[in-house]
């Protein structure tokens, strides 16, 4: 008999085809590329560019976009601290499944709290969690404001907006940090290239 969380009488079911077999089939290694940063920092743009670059190399990836997931998986959650934590926990569990399937899972979320991102990292025990920090200044993100959210937050029409009246805790030990160079933001293609280079160097784009 087994108890996990609030469930009882459940058991882990082993299957004959495992992660190694799936990775050999795909000729890649499953991992999670977790892109974090302020709203407007370019997370979704990088995710799409990275997905396109991997596809061109014949590698299978899937993007978990924070906004998209709130249309379905997480549509019952708000933006209170406890809801944000549950939002990230759910995405982390789904990302773990994609990684186990042998895919390169690209998770693109503000994920403002360090402890929540670290909890997702802890779900993956074999160094397959790659944290990418979009370290763009608040003034740059606010100037972009493609969704008009900063304007609403400044007007007091959105409460608890990350970077304005709710904190963003930057990573302390991320694998990749992307930031402005000489006052210019790198192109999406250049940033995607940097992530792809990391994946190649760490052996994720081939199977053992």
N, C-alpha and C. Protein backbone atom coordinates (compact mmCIF):
# COMPACT_ATOMS: atom_id res chain seq x y z
N UNK A 1 0.85 -1.19 0.00
CA UNK A 1 0.00 0.00 0.00
C UNK A 1 0.89 1.24 0.00
N UNK A 2 0.46 2.26 -0.73
CA UNK A 2 1.27 3.47 -0.85
C UNK A 2 0.39 4.70 -0.72
N UNK A 3 0.98 5.75 -0.13
CA UNK A 3 0.28 7.03 -0.01
C UNK A 3 1.16 8.13 -0.58
N UNK A 4 0.64 8.91 -1.51
CA UNK A 4 1.37 10.03 -2.10
C UNK A 4 0.46 11.24 -2.07
N UNK A 5 0.90 12.33 -1.41
CA UNK A 5 0.08 13.52 -1.32
C UNK A 5 -1.24 13.19 -0.64
N UNK A 6 -2.34 13.52 -1.28
CA UNK A 6 -3.66 13.24 -0.73
C UNK A 6 -4.27 11.95 -1.28
N UNK A 7 -3.50 11.22 -2.08
CA UNK A 7 -4.00 9.99 -2.68
C UNK A 7 -3.50 8.78 -1.91
N UNK A 8 -4.32 7.75 -1.82
CA UNK A 8 -3.94 6.52 -1.12
C UNK A 8 -4.12 5.34 -2.04
N UNK A 9 -3.45 4.23 -1.68
CA UNK A 9 -3.55 2.99 -2.44
C UNK A 9 -3.16 3.16 -3.90
N UNK A 10 -2.07 3.88 -4.13
CA UNK A 10 -1.57 4.06 -5.49
C UNK A 10 -0.14 3.53 -5.58
N UNK A 11 0.23 3.08 -6.75
CA UNK A 11 1.53 2.45 -6.94
C UNK A 11 2.14 2.95 -8.25
N UNK A 12 3.46 3.04 -8.30
CA UNK A 12 4.15 3.46 -9.52
C UNK A 12 4.20 2.30 -10.50
N UNK A 13 3.73 2.53 -11.71
CA UNK A 13 3.68 1.49 -12.74
C UNK A 13 4.89 1.60 -13.66
N UNK A 14 5.76 0.63 -13.63
CA UNK A 14 6.91 0.61 -14.52
C UNK A 14 6.50 0.09 -15.89
N UNK A 15 7.14 0.61 -16.94
CA UNK A 15 6.84 0.19 -18.31
C UNK A 15 8.12 -0.29 -18.99
N UNK A 16 8.02 -1.20 -19.95
CA UNK A 16 9.22 -1.77 -20.57
C UNK A 16 10.00 -0.79 -21.44
N UNK A 17 9.32 0.20 -22.00
CA UNK A 17 10.01 1.22 -22.80
C UNK A 17 10.24 2.44 -21.92
N UNK A 18 11.50 2.76 -21.67
CA UNK A 18 11.84 3.85 -20.76
C UNK A 18 12.43 5.05 -21.45
N UNK A 19 12.94 5.97 -20.65
CA UNK A 19 13.47 7.23 -21.18
C UNK A 19 14.64 6.99 -22.13
N UNK A 20 15.53 6.09 -21.79
CA UNK A 20 16.69 5.83 -22.65
C UNK A 20 16.26 5.36 -24.03
N UNK A 21 15.27 4.48 -24.08
CA UNK A 21 14.78 3.98 -25.37
C UNK A 21 14.15 5.09 -26.19
N UNK A 22 13.40 5.94 -25.52
CA UNK A 22 12.76 7.06 -26.23
C UNK A 22 13.81 8.04 -26.74
N UNK A 23 14.84 8.29 -25.96
CA UNK A 23 15.89 9.21 -26.39
C UNK A 23 16.65 8.66 -27.60
N UNK A 24 16.89 7.36 -27.62
CA UNK A 24 17.57 6.76 -28.76
C UNK A 24 16.71 6.86 -30.02
N UNK A 25 15.39 6.69 -29.84
CA UNK A 25 14.47 6.81 -30.97
C UNK A 25 14.52 8.22 -31.57
N UNK A 26 14.62 9.23 -30.71
CA UNK A 26 14.61 10.63 -31.15
C UNK A 26 16.01 11.17 -31.44
N UNK A 27 17.03 10.44 -31.02
CA UNK A 27 18.43 10.89 -31.13
C UNK A 27 18.63 12.25 -30.46
N UNK A 28 18.17 12.36 -29.25
CA UNK A 28 18.36 13.55 -28.42
C UNK A 28 18.11 13.15 -26.97
N UNK A 29 18.40 14.06 -26.07
CA UNK A 29 18.17 13.79 -24.65
C UNK A 29 17.12 14.75 -24.11
N UNK A 30 16.19 14.20 -23.36
CA UNK A 30 15.14 15.01 -22.79
C UNK A 30 15.68 15.96 -21.73
N UNK A 31 15.15 17.18 -21.74
CA UNK A 31 15.55 18.18 -20.75
C UNK A 31 14.49 19.26 -20.67
N UNK A 32 14.66 20.15 -19.71
CA UNK A 32 13.75 21.28 -19.55
C UNK A 32 14.56 22.57 -19.64
N UNK A 33 14.24 23.40 -20.61
CA UNK A 33 14.84 24.73 -20.73
C UNK A 33 13.82 25.70 -20.13
N UNK A 34 14.12 26.18 -18.94
CA UNK A 34 13.17 27.03 -18.20
C UNK A 34 13.56 28.49 -18.37
N UNK A 35 12.76 29.24 -19.12
CA UNK A 35 13.06 30.65 -19.40
C UNK A 35 12.27 31.52 -18.44
N UNK A 36 12.98 32.31 -17.64
CA UNK A 36 12.36 33.16 -16.63
C UNK A 36 12.78 34.62 -16.82
N UNK A 37 11.94 35.52 -16.40
CA UNK A 37 12.25 36.95 -16.51
C UNK A 37 10.98 37.78 -16.41
N UNK A 38 11.14 39.07 -16.37
CA UNK A 38 10.00 39.97 -16.27
C UNK A 38 9.09 39.89 -17.50
N UNK A 39 7.85 40.32 -17.34
CA UNK A 39 6.97 40.46 -18.48
C UNK A 39 7.60 41.44 -19.47
N UNK A 40 7.64 41.07 -20.74
CA UNK A 40 8.24 41.94 -21.74
C UNK A 40 9.74 41.76 -21.92
N UNK A 41 10.32 40.80 -21.21
CA UNK A 41 11.77 40.59 -21.33
C UNK A 41 12.14 39.80 -22.58
N UNK A 42 11.15 39.17 -23.21
CA UNK A 42 11.42 38.44 -24.45
C UNK A 42 11.39 36.93 -24.29
N UNK A 43 10.77 36.44 -23.22
CA UNK A 43 10.74 35.00 -22.96
C UNK A 43 10.04 34.22 -24.07
N UNK A 44 8.83 34.63 -24.41
CA UNK A 44 8.07 33.91 -25.43
C UNK A 44 8.73 34.01 -26.80
N UNK A 45 9.30 35.18 -27.09
CA UNK A 45 10.00 35.36 -28.36
C UNK A 45 11.19 34.42 -28.45
N UNK A 46 11.95 34.31 -27.35
CA UNK A 46 13.08 33.39 -27.33
C UNK A 46 12.60 31.95 -27.45
N UNK A 47 11.55 31.61 -26.74
CA UNK A 47 11.03 30.24 -26.78
C UNK A 47 10.67 29.83 -28.20
N UNK A 48 9.97 30.70 -28.90
CA UNK A 48 9.56 30.40 -30.28
C UNK A 48 10.76 30.30 -31.21
N UNK A 49 11.71 31.21 -31.04
CA UNK A 49 12.91 31.19 -31.87
C UNK A 49 13.73 29.93 -31.60
N UNK A 50 13.82 29.56 -30.33
CA UNK A 50 14.56 28.34 -29.96
C UNK A 50 13.87 27.11 -30.52
N UNK A 51 12.55 27.05 -30.39
CA UNK A 51 11.81 25.92 -30.94
C UNK A 51 12.01 25.78 -32.44
N UNK A 52 12.01 26.91 -33.14
CA UNK A 52 12.20 26.91 -34.59
C UNK A 52 13.62 26.43 -34.94
N UNK A 53 14.62 26.90 -34.19
CA UNK A 53 16.01 26.51 -34.45
C UNK A 53 16.20 25.01 -34.21
N UNK A 54 15.62 24.49 -33.14
CA UNK A 54 15.75 23.06 -32.85
C UNK A 54 15.04 22.23 -33.92
N UNK A 55 13.88 22.71 -34.36
CA UNK A 55 13.14 22.01 -35.42
C UNK A 55 13.97 21.93 -36.69
N UNK A 56 14.67 23.02 -37.02
CA UNK A 56 15.49 23.04 -38.23
C UNK A 56 16.65 22.05 -38.14
N UNK A 57 17.02 21.69 -36.91
CA UNK A 57 18.09 20.71 -36.70
C UNK A 57 17.55 19.29 -36.54
N UNK A 58 16.24 19.15 -36.74
CA UNK A 58 15.64 17.82 -36.63
C UNK A 58 15.44 17.36 -35.21
N UNK A 59 15.34 18.31 -34.26
CA UNK A 59 15.17 17.98 -32.86
C UNK A 59 13.75 18.33 -32.41
N UNK A 60 13.17 17.45 -31.61
CA UNK A 60 11.78 17.61 -31.19
C UNK A 60 11.69 18.36 -29.87
N UNK A 61 10.96 19.46 -29.88
CA UNK A 61 10.78 20.26 -28.66
C UNK A 61 9.30 20.61 -28.53
N UNK A 62 8.95 21.09 -27.35
CA UNK A 62 7.58 21.57 -27.14
C UNK A 62 7.62 22.74 -26.16
N UNK A 63 6.84 23.78 -26.47
CA UNK A 63 6.85 24.99 -25.65
C UNK A 63 5.67 25.00 -24.69
N UNK A 64 5.96 25.20 -23.42
CA UNK A 64 4.94 25.44 -22.41
C UNK A 64 4.97 26.93 -22.09
N UNK A 65 4.04 27.67 -22.66
CA UNK A 65 3.99 29.12 -22.47
C UNK A 65 3.05 29.46 -21.32
N UNK A 66 3.50 30.32 -20.42
CA UNK A 66 2.73 30.64 -19.23
C UNK A 66 1.33 31.15 -19.53
N UNK A 67 1.19 32.07 -20.47
CA UNK A 67 -0.12 32.60 -20.82
C UNK A 67 -1.00 31.53 -21.44
N UNK A 68 -0.43 30.74 -22.34
CA UNK A 68 -1.20 29.69 -23.00
C UNK A 68 -1.74 28.67 -22.00
N UNK A 69 -0.93 28.32 -21.02
CA UNK A 69 -1.34 27.32 -20.03
C UNK A 69 -2.47 27.82 -19.15
N UNK A 70 -2.57 29.13 -18.99
CA UNK A 70 -3.66 29.68 -18.19
C UNK A 70 -4.99 29.68 -18.95
N UNK A 71 -4.95 29.27 -20.20
CA UNK A 71 -6.19 29.07 -20.96
C UNK A 71 -6.77 27.68 -20.73
N UNK A 72 -5.96 26.78 -20.15
CA UNK A 72 -6.41 25.41 -19.99
C UNK A 72 -5.99 24.81 -18.67
N UNK A 73 -4.80 24.24 -18.64
CA UNK A 73 -4.30 23.55 -17.45
C UNK A 73 -4.43 24.36 -16.17
N UNK A 74 -4.13 25.66 -16.26
CA UNK A 74 -4.11 26.50 -15.07
C UNK A 74 -5.16 27.61 -15.08
N UNK A 75 -6.25 27.38 -15.81
CA UNK A 75 -7.27 28.43 -15.92
C UNK A 75 -8.02 28.67 -14.61
N UNK A 76 -7.88 27.77 -13.66
CA UNK A 76 -8.55 27.94 -12.37
C UNK A 76 -7.72 28.72 -11.37
N UNK A 77 -6.53 29.17 -11.76
CA UNK A 77 -5.62 29.85 -10.84
C UNK A 77 -5.58 31.35 -11.09
N UNK A 78 -5.42 32.11 -10.00
CA UNK A 78 -5.26 33.56 -10.10
C UNK A 78 -3.78 33.92 -9.99
N UNK A 79 -3.51 35.08 -9.39
CA UNK A 79 -2.13 35.55 -9.30
C UNK A 79 -1.68 35.84 -7.88
N UNK A 80 -2.42 35.31 -6.90
CA UNK A 80 -1.95 35.39 -5.52
C UNK A 80 -0.71 34.51 -5.39
N UNK A 81 0.06 34.75 -4.34
CA UNK A 81 1.32 34.01 -4.16
C UNK A 81 1.11 32.50 -4.21
N UNK A 82 0.06 32.02 -3.51
CA UNK A 82 -0.17 30.58 -3.49
C UNK A 82 -0.61 30.05 -4.85
N UNK A 83 -1.33 30.88 -5.61
CA UNK A 83 -1.73 30.47 -6.96
C UNK A 83 -0.52 30.45 -7.89
N UNK A 84 0.35 31.42 -7.74
CA UNK A 84 1.57 31.43 -8.55
C UNK A 84 2.40 30.18 -8.29
N UNK A 85 2.51 29.80 -7.01
CA UNK A 85 3.27 28.61 -6.64
C UNK A 85 2.67 27.36 -7.26
N UNK A 86 1.34 27.24 -7.19
CA UNK A 86 0.67 26.08 -7.78
C UNK A 86 0.79 26.09 -9.29
N UNK A 87 0.74 27.26 -9.90
CA UNK A 87 0.91 27.41 -11.35
C UNK A 87 2.26 26.83 -11.77
N UNK A 88 3.31 27.24 -11.07
CA UNK A 88 4.66 26.78 -11.42
C UNK A 88 4.82 25.30 -11.12
N UNK A 89 4.24 24.82 -10.01
CA UNK A 89 4.34 23.41 -9.67
C UNK A 89 3.74 22.54 -10.78
N UNK A 90 2.56 22.92 -11.25
CA UNK A 90 1.90 22.15 -12.31
C UNK A 90 2.75 22.14 -13.58
N UNK A 91 3.26 23.31 -13.95
CA UNK A 91 4.07 23.39 -15.18
C UNK A 91 5.33 22.55 -15.01
N UNK A 92 5.92 22.60 -13.82
CA UNK A 92 7.11 21.79 -13.56
C UNK A 92 6.84 20.30 -13.73
N UNK A 93 5.70 19.85 -13.24
CA UNK A 93 5.36 18.43 -13.37
C UNK A 93 5.13 18.04 -14.83
N UNK A 94 4.46 18.92 -15.58
CA UNK A 94 4.24 18.63 -17.00
C UNK A 94 5.57 18.65 -17.75
N UNK A 95 6.42 19.62 -17.45
CA UNK A 95 7.73 19.71 -18.10
C UNK A 95 8.55 18.45 -17.81
N UNK A 96 8.46 17.95 -16.60
CA UNK A 96 9.17 16.73 -16.22
C UNK A 96 8.71 15.56 -17.09
N UNK A 97 7.42 15.48 -17.34
CA UNK A 97 6.88 14.41 -18.19
C UNK A 97 7.40 14.52 -19.63
N UNK A 98 7.42 15.74 -20.16
CA UNK A 98 7.94 15.94 -21.51
C UNK A 98 9.41 15.53 -21.58
N UNK A 99 10.17 15.90 -20.55
CA UNK A 99 11.59 15.53 -20.50
C UNK A 99 11.74 14.02 -20.46
N UNK A 100 10.90 13.36 -19.66
CA UNK A 100 10.95 11.90 -19.57
C UNK A 100 10.58 11.25 -20.90
N UNK A 101 9.74 11.95 -21.68
CA UNK A 101 9.36 11.44 -23.01
C UNK A 101 10.50 11.58 -24.01
N UNK A 102 11.56 12.29 -23.62
CA UNK A 102 12.71 12.48 -24.50
C UNK A 102 12.71 13.79 -25.26
N UNK A 103 11.73 14.65 -24.98
CA UNK A 103 11.63 15.94 -25.67
C UNK A 103 12.47 17.01 -24.98
N UNK A 104 12.79 18.03 -25.74
CA UNK A 104 13.38 19.24 -25.17
C UNK A 104 12.21 20.16 -24.85
N UNK A 105 11.86 20.25 -23.59
CA UNK A 105 10.71 21.05 -23.17
C UNK A 105 11.17 22.47 -22.88
N UNK A 106 10.54 23.44 -23.52
CA UNK A 106 10.87 24.85 -23.34
C UNK A 106 9.74 25.48 -22.54
N UNK A 107 10.00 25.80 -21.29
CA UNK A 107 8.99 26.42 -20.42
C UNK A 107 9.27 27.91 -20.34
N UNK A 108 8.28 28.71 -20.70
CA UNK A 108 8.44 30.17 -20.75
C UNK A 108 7.44 30.82 -19.81
N UNK A 109 7.92 31.21 -18.63
CA UNK A 109 7.05 31.79 -17.61
C UNK A 109 7.80 32.85 -16.82
N UNK A 110 7.09 33.87 -16.35
CA UNK A 110 7.74 34.85 -15.46
C UNK A 110 8.36 34.12 -14.28
N UNK A 111 7.60 33.21 -13.67
CA UNK A 111 8.05 32.42 -12.50
C UNK A 111 8.89 33.27 -11.56
N UNK A 112 8.26 34.23 -10.88
CA UNK A 112 9.00 35.26 -10.15
C UNK A 112 9.70 34.81 -8.88
N UNK A 113 9.24 33.69 -8.29
CA UNK A 113 9.79 33.31 -6.99
C UNK A 113 10.85 32.22 -7.13
N UNK A 114 12.00 32.49 -6.54
CA UNK A 114 13.14 31.59 -6.65
C UNK A 114 12.82 30.19 -6.11
N UNK A 115 12.11 30.13 -5.00
CA UNK A 115 11.83 28.83 -4.38
C UNK A 115 10.98 27.95 -5.30
N UNK A 116 10.09 28.57 -6.07
CA UNK A 116 9.24 27.80 -6.98
C UNK A 116 10.05 27.24 -8.15
N UNK A 117 10.96 28.05 -8.69
CA UNK A 117 11.82 27.56 -9.76
C UNK A 117 12.75 26.47 -9.25
N UNK A 118 13.28 26.66 -8.04
CA UNK A 118 14.17 25.66 -7.45
C UNK A 118 13.42 24.35 -7.21
N UNK A 119 12.15 24.44 -6.87
CA UNK A 119 11.34 23.23 -6.66
C UNK A 119 11.20 22.46 -7.97
N UNK A 120 11.06 23.18 -9.07
CA UNK A 120 10.99 22.52 -10.38
C UNK A 120 12.33 21.88 -10.73
N UNK A 121 13.41 22.56 -10.42
CA UNK A 121 14.73 21.99 -10.67
C UNK A 121 14.89 20.69 -9.89
N UNK A 122 14.40 20.67 -8.66
CA UNK A 122 14.54 19.49 -7.80
C UNK A 122 13.74 18.30 -8.32
N UNK A 123 12.75 18.55 -9.18
CA UNK A 123 11.98 17.44 -9.76
C UNK A 123 12.84 16.62 -10.72
N UNK A 124 13.88 17.24 -11.28
CA UNK A 124 14.74 16.58 -12.26
C UNK A 124 16.08 16.30 -11.61
N UNK A 125 16.39 15.04 -11.44
CA UNK A 125 17.56 14.68 -10.63
C UNK A 125 18.84 14.47 -11.42
N UNK A 126 18.81 14.64 -12.73
CA UNK A 126 19.99 14.33 -13.53
C UNK A 126 20.51 15.53 -14.33
N UNK A 127 20.46 16.69 -13.72
CA UNK A 127 21.03 17.91 -14.33
C UNK A 127 20.42 18.23 -15.68
N UNK A 128 19.13 17.97 -15.82
CA UNK A 128 18.46 18.26 -17.09
C UNK A 128 17.56 19.49 -17.00
N UNK A 129 17.71 20.26 -15.93
CA UNK A 129 16.97 21.52 -15.78
C UNK A 129 17.92 22.66 -16.12
N UNK A 130 17.60 23.38 -17.19
CA UNK A 130 18.48 24.45 -17.68
C UNK A 130 17.75 25.76 -17.52
N UNK A 131 18.18 26.56 -16.56
CA UNK A 131 17.51 27.83 -16.26
C UNK A 131 18.11 28.95 -17.10
N UNK A 132 17.26 29.60 -17.87
CA UNK A 132 17.69 30.71 -18.74
C UNK A 132 17.07 31.99 -18.19
N UNK A 133 17.90 32.91 -17.75
CA UNK A 133 17.44 34.16 -17.15
C UNK A 133 17.48 35.27 -18.18
N UNK A 134 16.30 35.79 -18.53
CA UNK A 134 16.21 36.94 -19.43
C UNK A 134 16.42 38.19 -18.57
N UNK A 135 17.65 38.58 -18.41
CA UNK A 135 18.00 39.68 -17.52
C UNK A 135 17.92 41.02 -18.24
N UNK A 136 16.69 41.43 -18.48
CA UNK A 136 16.46 42.70 -19.17
C UNK A 136 15.96 43.74 -18.16
N UNK A 137 16.46 44.98 -18.23
CA UNK A 137 16.05 46.02 -17.27
C UNK A 137 14.55 46.28 -17.30
N UNK A 138 14.01 46.61 -16.15
CA UNK A 138 12.59 46.90 -16.03
C UNK A 138 12.17 48.00 -17.01
N UNK A 139 13.00 49.02 -17.17
CA UNK A 139 12.63 50.14 -18.04
C UNK A 139 12.51 49.69 -19.50
N UNK A 140 13.33 48.71 -19.89
CA UNK A 140 13.25 48.18 -21.25
C UNK A 140 11.96 47.38 -21.43
N UNK A 141 11.67 46.53 -20.44
CA UNK A 141 10.45 45.71 -20.51
C UNK A 141 9.20 46.60 -20.50
N UNK A 142 9.24 47.63 -19.67
CA UNK A 142 8.08 48.52 -19.56
C UNK A 142 7.90 49.34 -20.83
N UNK A 143 8.99 49.69 -21.47
CA UNK A 143 8.89 50.45 -22.71
C UNK A 143 8.28 49.61 -23.82
N UNK A 144 8.61 48.33 -23.83
CA UNK A 144 8.03 47.45 -24.84
C UNK A 144 6.52 47.31 -24.60
N UNK A 145 6.17 46.83 -23.44
CA UNK A 145 4.78 46.70 -22.96
C UNK A 145 3.82 46.30 -24.07
N UNK A 146 4.17 45.22 -24.80
CA UNK A 146 3.36 44.79 -25.94
C UNK A 146 1.91 44.48 -25.57
N UNK A 147 1.71 44.02 -24.34
CA UNK A 147 0.36 43.64 -23.91
C UNK A 147 -0.36 44.75 -23.14
N UNK A 148 0.34 45.87 -22.93
CA UNK A 148 -0.26 46.99 -22.21
C UNK A 148 -0.44 46.75 -20.73
N UNK A 149 0.26 45.75 -20.19
CA UNK A 149 0.06 45.38 -18.79
C UNK A 149 0.75 46.35 -17.83
N UNK A 150 1.92 46.83 -18.20
CA UNK A 150 2.63 47.78 -17.33
C UNK A 150 1.81 49.06 -17.17
N UNK A 151 1.22 49.51 -18.26
CA UNK A 151 0.40 50.72 -18.21
C UNK A 151 -0.77 50.52 -17.25
N UNK A 152 -1.40 49.36 -17.30
CA UNK A 152 -2.51 49.07 -16.40
C UNK A 152 -2.03 48.98 -14.95
N UNK A 153 -0.86 48.37 -14.77
CA UNK A 153 -0.32 48.23 -13.41
C UNK A 153 0.03 49.59 -12.83
N UNK A 154 0.64 50.44 -13.63
CA UNK A 154 1.00 51.79 -13.16
C UNK A 154 -0.24 52.60 -12.83
N UNK A 155 -1.33 52.30 -13.51
CA UNK A 155 -2.59 53.01 -13.28
C UNK A 155 -3.38 52.41 -12.11
N UNK A 156 -2.82 51.35 -11.52
CA UNK A 156 -3.48 50.71 -10.39
C UNK A 156 -4.62 49.79 -10.77
N UNK A 157 -4.72 49.48 -12.07
CA UNK A 157 -5.82 48.63 -12.53
C UNK A 157 -5.47 47.15 -12.45
N UNK A 158 -4.18 46.83 -12.28
CA UNK A 158 -3.72 45.47 -12.04
C UNK A 158 -2.93 45.48 -10.74
N UNK A 159 -3.31 44.65 -9.81
CA UNK A 159 -2.60 44.56 -8.53
C UNK A 159 -1.70 43.33 -8.52
N UNK A 160 -0.59 43.43 -7.81
CA UNK A 160 0.33 42.31 -7.70
C UNK A 160 1.07 42.01 -8.98
N UNK A 161 1.39 43.06 -9.76
CA UNK A 161 2.07 42.85 -11.03
C UNK A 161 3.58 42.78 -10.80
N UNK A 162 4.19 41.71 -11.29
CA UNK A 162 5.62 41.48 -11.07
C UNK A 162 6.46 42.62 -11.62
N UNK A 163 7.34 43.12 -10.76
CA UNK A 163 8.23 44.21 -11.15
C UNK A 163 7.71 45.58 -10.78
N UNK A 164 6.39 45.67 -10.49
CA UNK A 164 5.80 46.94 -10.11
C UNK A 164 5.43 46.92 -8.63
N UNK A 165 4.46 46.10 -8.26
CA UNK A 165 4.10 46.01 -6.84
C UNK A 165 4.16 44.57 -6.33
N UNK A 166 4.86 43.71 -7.07
CA UNK A 166 5.13 42.35 -6.61
C UNK A 166 6.57 42.04 -7.03
N UNK A 167 7.33 41.32 -6.20
CA UNK A 167 8.76 41.14 -6.47
C UNK A 167 9.08 40.13 -7.56
N UNK A 168 10.23 40.32 -8.18
CA UNK A 168 10.83 39.30 -9.04
C UNK A 168 12.18 38.95 -8.41
N UNK A 169 12.37 37.68 -8.13
CA UNK A 169 13.61 37.21 -7.52
C UNK A 169 14.49 36.57 -8.59
N UNK A 170 15.56 37.24 -8.99
CA UNK A 170 16.40 36.72 -10.07
C UNK A 170 17.13 35.45 -9.65
N UNK A 171 17.44 34.59 -10.60
CA UNK A 171 18.19 33.36 -10.29
C UNK A 171 19.57 33.69 -9.70
N UNK A 172 20.03 32.81 -8.83
CA UNK A 172 21.36 32.98 -8.24
C UNK A 172 22.40 32.14 -8.99
N UNK A 173 21.96 31.03 -9.57
CA UNK A 173 22.91 30.13 -10.23
C UNK A 173 22.30 29.55 -11.50
N UNK A 174 21.88 30.43 -12.40
CA UNK A 174 21.28 29.95 -13.65
C UNK A 174 22.36 29.42 -14.60
N UNK A 175 21.95 28.57 -15.51
CA UNK A 175 22.89 28.03 -16.50
C UNK A 175 23.21 29.04 -17.59
N UNK A 176 22.24 29.85 -17.98
CA UNK A 176 22.42 30.82 -19.06
C UNK A 176 21.78 32.14 -18.65
N UNK A 177 22.50 33.23 -18.81
CA UNK A 177 21.96 34.57 -18.56
C UNK A 177 22.06 35.38 -19.84
N UNK A 178 20.94 35.91 -20.29
CA UNK A 178 20.90 36.71 -21.50
C UNK A 178 20.58 38.15 -21.12
N UNK A 179 21.39 39.09 -21.61
CA UNK A 179 21.21 40.49 -21.24
C UNK A 179 21.65 41.39 -22.37
N UNK A 180 21.42 42.68 -22.19
CA UNK A 180 21.83 43.64 -23.21
C UNK A 180 23.36 43.65 -23.36
N UNK A 181 23.80 43.95 -24.56
CA UNK A 181 25.23 44.10 -24.84
C UNK A 181 25.45 45.44 -25.49
N UNK A 182 26.23 46.27 -24.82
CA UNK A 182 26.47 47.64 -25.30
C UNK A 182 25.17 48.39 -25.50
N UNK A 183 24.23 48.16 -24.57
CA UNK A 183 22.96 48.88 -24.61
C UNK A 183 21.96 48.35 -25.62
N UNK A 184 22.31 47.26 -26.28
CA UNK A 184 21.42 46.67 -27.28
C UNK A 184 21.03 45.26 -26.87
N UNK A 185 19.77 44.93 -27.08
CA UNK A 185 19.30 43.58 -26.79
C UNK A 185 19.67 42.66 -27.95
N UNK A 186 20.27 41.50 -27.69
CA UNK A 186 20.59 40.57 -28.78
C UNK A 186 19.33 40.17 -29.54
N UNK A 187 19.49 39.81 -30.79
CA UNK A 187 18.35 39.37 -31.58
C UNK A 187 17.84 38.03 -31.05
N UNK A 188 16.56 37.73 -31.29
CA UNK A 188 16.04 36.41 -30.88
C UNK A 188 16.87 35.27 -31.44
N UNK A 189 17.32 35.41 -32.69
CA UNK A 189 18.11 34.36 -33.32
C UNK A 189 19.44 34.16 -32.59
N UNK A 190 20.06 35.28 -32.20
CA UNK A 190 21.34 35.19 -31.50
C UNK A 190 21.16 34.55 -30.12
N UNK A 191 20.10 34.90 -29.43
CA UNK A 191 19.86 34.32 -28.11
C UNK A 191 19.53 32.84 -28.22
N UNK A 192 18.72 32.48 -29.21
CA UNK A 192 18.41 31.07 -29.43
C UNK A 192 19.67 30.29 -29.76
N UNK A 193 20.54 30.92 -30.54
CA UNK A 193 21.80 30.27 -30.90
C UNK A 193 22.65 29.98 -29.68
N UNK A 194 22.63 30.89 -28.71
CA UNK A 194 23.40 30.70 -27.48
C UNK A 194 22.87 29.50 -26.68
N UNK A 195 21.55 29.38 -26.65
CA UNK A 195 20.95 28.25 -25.93
C UNK A 195 21.24 26.94 -26.67
N UNK A 196 21.11 26.95 -27.98
CA UNK A 196 21.39 25.75 -28.78
C UNK A 196 22.85 25.33 -28.59
N UNK A 197 23.76 26.29 -28.57
CA UNK A 197 25.18 25.98 -28.35
C UNK A 197 25.36 25.27 -27.02
N UNK A 198 24.69 25.76 -25.98
CA UNK A 198 24.77 25.14 -24.66
C UNK A 198 24.26 23.69 -24.73
N UNK A 199 23.12 23.49 -25.38
CA UNK A 199 22.55 22.16 -25.49
C UNK A 199 23.48 21.21 -26.25
N UNK A 200 24.13 21.73 -27.28
CA UNK A 200 25.07 20.91 -28.04
C UNK A 200 26.28 20.54 -27.19
N UNK A 201 26.82 21.54 -26.47
CA UNK A 201 27.99 21.31 -25.64
C UNK A 201 27.74 20.31 -24.53
N UNK A 202 26.51 20.33 -24.01
CA UNK A 202 26.17 19.42 -22.90
C UNK A 202 25.63 18.08 -23.39
N UNK A 203 25.60 17.88 -24.70
CA UNK A 203 25.24 16.58 -25.25
C UNK A 203 23.75 16.28 -25.33
N UNK A 204 22.91 17.31 -25.28
CA UNK A 204 21.46 17.07 -25.33
C UNK A 204 20.93 16.83 -26.73
N UNK A 205 21.71 17.18 -27.75
CA UNK A 205 21.22 17.07 -29.12
C UNK A 205 21.65 15.78 -29.80
N UNK A 206 22.02 14.80 -28.99
CA UNK A 206 22.31 13.47 -29.50
C UNK A 206 22.04 12.46 -28.39
N UNK A 207 21.84 11.23 -28.76
CA UNK A 207 21.60 10.17 -27.78
C UNK A 207 22.87 9.37 -27.55
N UNK A 208 23.01 8.79 -26.40
CA UNK A 208 24.19 7.97 -26.12
C UNK A 208 24.10 6.65 -26.87
